[in-house]
Amino acid sequence: MQAEGEKSDKISKISTGIPRVDELLYGGFDGRDNIVVSGNNFSQKRSFIYNFIKSSANSGMKVIIINVDGSSESLLADLARRGTDLENIILLDGFSKNFQEKVPPNAEVIDDPSNVSSVLKQYMLRAQKEKDFIFVFLSATPYLMDFNDQNRKFFVQLVHWNRKNSLLSTYVLDDFVGQTTAEWFAYMMDFSLYFKNDGDYDYMRVLSLKPVRTKDWIRIYKDSDVFTLGSFNVERIR
């Protein structure tokens, strides 16, 4: 990858993989955005993330995923079922070893997921082998549930390093993380995408430092493994 601080010449916009969300975001994410994607377990949060990973990988971009939050085999199987080019997926597996599951082929085991300094070092060493990539953290929740000074420093360093190296970075967050902690984390982000399911319908909301934010929740309509958005007035939202 480029040296730290060196300007990236990647494309200015990167698709979310969902056309209506791209429309809402003026064509997609900027190439060095930091994004938090949060929501409850029955929302379209995971669908959004998986479609974003698929779109990025299938466009030829490498995607480095740190997974500490669920079965790595199931993650890759779900991505493959959606038609994701797994050749462009670089998985740092912090789940399988701890839970005595089989490590997927070609995944790199995170030596000590509980040691945030070690996780950061291992990620940075792997990242330096790639010229350009997108970063996805699945998920930030375990480290934010135990929100001590060490974990706080970990995220500050991680977000700063990714931004300094002009990397598009996405962090997944569960809705049960404490409000104060979640707000602290969102403060470091360029975009906060919120998803919810109220038992009947799915919704999405966007908050941003940029001129894109939704005053109200936008209705989501599921369509197989992807979704589309209900009507919204672009001028009213921005």
Protein backbone atom coordinates (compact mmCIF):
# COMPACT_ATOMS: atom_id res chain seq x y z
CA MET A 1 0.00 0.00 0.00
CA GLN A 2 1.04 3.61 -0.27
CA ALA A 3 3.29 5.12 2.36
CA GLU A 4 1.55 6.71 5.32
CA GLY A 5 0.18 10.14 4.51
CA GLU A 6 0.64 9.67 0.77
CA LYS A 7 -2.36 10.81 -1.26
CA SER A 8 -4.35 7.91 -2.70
CA ASP A 9 -5.40 7.96 -6.36
CA LYS A 10 -8.31 5.59 -5.90
CA ILE A 11 -11.67 6.47 -7.41
CA SER A 12 -13.52 9.27 -5.64
CA LYS A 13 -16.71 7.27 -5.03
CA ILE A 14 -17.15 3.64 -4.01
CA SER A 15 -20.52 2.00 -4.43
CA THR A 16 -22.38 0.63 -1.42
CA GLY A 17 -23.66 -2.18 -3.65
CA ILE A 18 -27.25 -0.93 -3.30
CA PRO A 19 -28.32 1.55 -6.02
CA ARG A 20 -30.86 3.49 -3.95
CA VAL A 21 -28.37 3.97 -1.12
CA ASP A 22 -25.80 5.17 -3.66
CA GLU A 23 -28.39 7.68 -4.88
CA LEU A 24 -28.88 8.93 -1.34
CA LEU A 25 -25.11 9.29 -0.81
CA TYR A 26 -24.34 11.19 -4.04
CA GLY A 27 -22.98 8.06 -5.72
CA GLY A 28 -21.55 6.15 -2.77
CA PHE A 29 -18.87 6.57 -0.14
CA ASP A 30 -15.78 8.71 -0.57
CA GLY A 31 -12.55 6.76 -0.80
CA ARG A 32 -11.31 7.58 2.69
CA ASP A 33 -14.56 7.61 4.67
CA ASN A 34 -14.87 5.96 8.06
CA ILE A 35 -18.37 4.53 8.49
CA VAL A 36 -20.16 2.92 11.41
CA VAL A 37 -23.08 0.63 10.54
CA SER A 38 -25.28 -0.18 13.51
CA GLY A 39 -28.62 -1.82 14.19
CA ASN A 40 -30.42 -4.64 15.91
CA ASN A 41 -30.06 -8.30 15.00
CA PHE A 42 -33.20 -8.46 12.87
CA SER A 43 -32.47 -5.32 10.86
CA GLN A 44 -30.90 -5.12 7.40
CA LYS A 45 -27.52 -4.21 8.90
CA ARG A 46 -25.81 -7.45 7.86
CA SER A 47 -27.46 -7.41 4.44
CA PHE A 48 -26.01 -3.96 3.83
CA ILE A 49 -22.51 -5.00 4.94
CA TYR A 50 -22.48 -8.22 2.91
CA ASN A 51 -23.68 -6.44 -0.23
CA PHE A 52 -21.05 -3.74 0.28
CA ILE A 53 -18.34 -6.41 0.61
CA LYS A 54 -19.65 -8.23 -2.48
CA SER A 55 -19.78 -5.06 -4.58
CA SER A 56 -16.25 -4.05 -3.57
CA ALA A 57 -14.71 -7.50 -4.09
CA ASN A 58 -16.47 -8.04 -7.42
CA SER A 59 -15.22 -4.68 -8.69
CA GLY A 60 -11.67 -5.99 -8.23
CA MET A 61 -10.86 -4.34 -4.90
CA LYS A 62 -9.32 -6.27 -2.04
CA VAL A 63 -11.38 -6.33 1.16
CA ILE A 64 -9.63 -6.96 4.49
CA ILE A 65 -12.11 -8.23 7.09
CA ILE A 66 -11.34 -8.54 10.78
CA ASN A 67 -13.88 -11.03 12.11
CA VAL A 68 -14.24 -11.49 15.87
CA ASP A 69 -18.01 -11.72 16.10
CA GLY A 70 -19.22 -14.99 14.55
CA SER A 71 -18.36 -18.11 12.59
CA SER A 72 -15.81 -17.32 9.90
CA GLU A 73 -16.90 -20.35 7.88
CA SER A 74 -20.51 -19.13 7.92
CA LEU A 75 -19.40 -15.63 6.95
CA LEU A 76 -17.50 -16.86 3.88
CA ALA A 77 -20.31 -19.26 2.96
CA ASP A 78 -22.83 -16.43 3.06
CA LEU A 79 -20.61 -14.20 0.95
CA ALA A 80 -20.07 -17.03 -1.56
CA ARG A 81 -23.82 -17.71 -1.75
CA ARG A 82 -24.35 -14.07 -2.69
CA GLY A 83 -21.84 -14.40 -5.54
CA THR A 84 -18.88 -12.66 -3.91
CA ASP A 85 -15.43 -13.09 -5.47
CA LEU A 86 -13.69 -14.68 -2.49
CA GLU A 87 -10.31 -14.30 -4.20
CA ASN A 88 -10.45 -10.65 -3.19
CA ILE A 89 -11.38 -11.36 0.44
CA ILE A 90 -8.57 -11.26 3.02
CA LEU A 91 -9.91 -12.63 6.30
CA LEU A 92 -8.20 -12.03 9.62
CA ASP A 93 -9.95 -14.61 11.78
CA GLY A 94 -10.24 -13.77 15.46
CA PHE A 95 -13.17 -16.11 16.10
CA SER A 96 -12.44 -19.70 15.05
CA LYS A 97 -9.46 -20.41 17.31
CA ASN A 98 -11.17 -19.05 20.43
CA PHE A 99 -14.32 -21.08 19.81
CA GLN A 100 -12.52 -24.21 18.57
CA GLU A 101 -13.95 -24.00 15.09
CA LYS A 102 -12.19 -24.95 11.88
CA VAL A 103 -10.21 -22.07 10.41
CA PRO A 104 -11.26 -21.45 6.78
CA PRO A 105 -8.60 -22.04 4.11
CA ASN A 106 -6.49 -18.97 3.38
CA ALA A 107 -7.72 -17.15 6.49
CA GLU A 108 -5.06 -15.64 8.73
CA VAL A 109 -5.60 -16.44 12.40
CA ILE A 110 -5.44 -13.48 14.78
CA ASP A 111 -3.01 -14.67 17.42
CA ASP A 112 -4.64 -13.03 20.44
CA PRO A 113 -7.97 -11.26 19.77
CA SER A 114 -8.18 -10.12 23.40
CA ASN A 115 -4.93 -8.15 23.06
CA VAL A 116 -5.90 -5.03 21.12
CA SER A 117 -2.29 -3.94 20.63
CA SER A 118 -1.55 -7.30 19.03
CA VAL A 119 -4.67 -7.08 16.83
CA LEU A 120 -3.70 -3.62 15.61
CA LYS A 121 -0.12 -4.67 14.88
CA GLN A 122 -1.19 -7.80 13.01
CA TYR A 123 -3.70 -5.84 10.93
CA MET A 124 -1.18 -3.13 10.03
CA LEU A 125 1.43 -5.71 9.01
CA ARG A 126 -1.10 -7.45 6.74
CA ALA A 127 -2.37 -4.17 5.34
CA GLN A 128 1.10 -3.07 4.31
CA LYS A 129 1.24 -6.03 1.89
CA GLU A 130 -1.67 -4.61 -0.12
CA LYS A 131 -1.52 -1.65 -2.47
CA ASP A 132 -5.14 -0.68 -1.95
CA PHE A 133 -8.11 -2.19 -0.15
CA ILE A 134 -11.30 -1.64 1.81
CA PHE A 135 -11.42 -2.41 5.53
CA VAL A 136 -14.38 -4.03 7.33
CA PHE A 137 -14.49 -4.67 11.08
CA LEU A 138 -16.95 -7.42 12.12
CA SER A 139 -17.51 -6.16 14.65
CA ALA A 140 -16.46 -3.38 16.99
CA THR A 141 -19.04 -4.50 19.57
CA PRO A 142 -16.91 -6.87 21.72
CA TYR A 143 -14.27 -4.19 22.27
CA LEU A 144 -16.81 -1.45 22.97
CA MET A 145 -18.75 -3.52 25.49
CA ASP A 146 -15.60 -3.49 27.62
CA PHE A 147 -14.81 0.16 27.05
CA ASN A 148 -11.60 0.74 28.97
CA ASP A 149 -8.76 3.14 28.19
CA GLN A 150 -6.85 0.49 26.26
CA ASN A 151 -9.78 -0.23 23.93
CA ARG A 152 -10.46 3.48 23.51
CA LYS A 153 -6.84 4.03 22.45
CA PHE A 154 -7.08 1.04 20.09
CA PHE A 155 -9.96 2.54 18.13
CA VAL A 156 -8.45 6.02 18.05
CA GLN A 157 -5.23 4.58 16.58
CA LEU A 158 -7.06 2.29 14.15
CA VAL A 159 -9.34 5.01 12.78
CA HIS A 160 -6.45 7.49 12.55
CA TRP A 161 -4.21 5.00 10.74
CA ASN A 162 -6.90 4.07 8.23
CA ARG A 163 -7.77 7.71 7.57
CA LYS A 164 -4.10 8.70 7.22
CA ASN A 165 -3.68 5.97 4.62
CA SER A 166 -6.82 7.04 2.72
CA LEU A 167 -8.70 3.80 3.36
CA LEU A 168 -12.44 3.36 3.18
CA SER A 169 -13.24 1.68 6.50
CA THR A 170 -16.49 0.24 7.83
CA TYR A 171 -17.16 -0.76 11.43
CA VAL A 172 -20.20 -2.84 12.39
CA LEU A 173 -21.85 -2.13 15.72
CA ASP A 174 -24.75 -3.70 17.61
CA ASP A 175 -27.51 -1.55 19.02
CA PHE A 176 -27.03 -2.79 22.59
CA VAL A 177 -23.71 -0.96 22.99
CA GLY A 178 -24.21 1.80 25.57
CA GLN A 179 -25.43 5.12 24.21
CA THR A 180 -22.50 7.16 25.53
CA THR A 181 -19.98 4.70 24.07
CA ALA A 182 -21.81 4.49 20.73
CA GLU A 183 -21.93 8.29 20.49
CA TRP A 184 -18.20 8.53 21.25
CA PHE A 185 -17.48 6.03 18.47
CA ALA A 186 -19.81 7.74 15.98
CA TYR A 187 -18.05 11.06 16.68
CA MET A 188 -14.91 9.70 14.93
CA MET A 189 -16.86 8.63 11.84
CA ASP A 190 -17.72 10.42 8.60
CA PHE A 191 -20.98 8.50 8.27
CA SER A 192 -23.28 6.73 10.70
CA LEU A 193 -25.77 4.35 9.09
CA TYR A 194 -28.50 3.09 11.39
CA PHE A 195 -30.79 0.15 10.68
CA LYS A 196 -33.77 -1.04 12.66
CA ASN A 197 -36.61 -3.54 12.53
CA ASP A 198 -39.66 -2.67 14.60
CA GLY A 199 -41.21 -6.13 14.33
CA ASP A 200 -43.13 -5.29 11.18
CA TYR A 201 -40.92 -3.18 8.92
CA ASP A 202 -37.27 -2.37 8.24
CA TYR A 203 -35.85 1.14 8.25
CA MET A 204 -32.59 3.00 7.60
CA ARG A 205 -31.33 6.38 8.73
CA VAL A 206 -28.15 8.32 7.87
CA LEU A 207 -26.22 10.83 9.96
CA SER A 208 -23.09 12.44 8.56
CA LEU A 209 -20.58 15.23 8.84
CA LYS A 210 -21.22 15.74 5.13
CA PRO A 211 -24.30 17.27 3.49
CA VAL A 212 -26.19 13.97 3.64
CA ARG A 213 -28.45 13.18 6.56
CA THR A 214 -31.98 11.88 6.89
CA LYS A 215 -34.31 13.66 9.27
CA ASP A 216 -36.58 10.63 9.40
CA TRP A 217 -36.25 6.88 9.06
CA ILE A 218 -36.50 5.65 5.46
CA ARG A 219 -38.50 2.50 4.81
CA ILE A 220 -36.54 -0.50 3.51
CA TYR A 221 -38.05 -3.07 1.16
CA LYS A 222 -36.31 -6.44 1.04
CA ASP A 223 -35.62 -8.04 -2.32
CA SER A 224 -34.00 -11.46 -1.87
CA ASP A 225 -30.44 -10.89 -0.56
CA VAL A 226 -30.51 -7.17 -1.20
CA PHE A 227 -32.93 -4.35 -0.47
CA THR A 228 -34.14 -1.06 -1.86
CA LEU A 229 -35.31 2.12 -0.17
CA GLY A 230 -38.75 3.61 -0.10
CA SER A 231 -39.42 7.08 -1.44
CA PHE A 232 -37.42 10.00 -0.12
CA ASN A 233 -37.02 13.60 -1.16
CA VAL A 234 -33.34 14.13 -1.89
CA GLU A 235 -33.47 17.90 -1.50
CA ARG A 236 -35.33 17.65 1.80
CA ILE A 237 -32.89 15.12 3.21
CA ARG A 238 -29.66 16.95 2.32
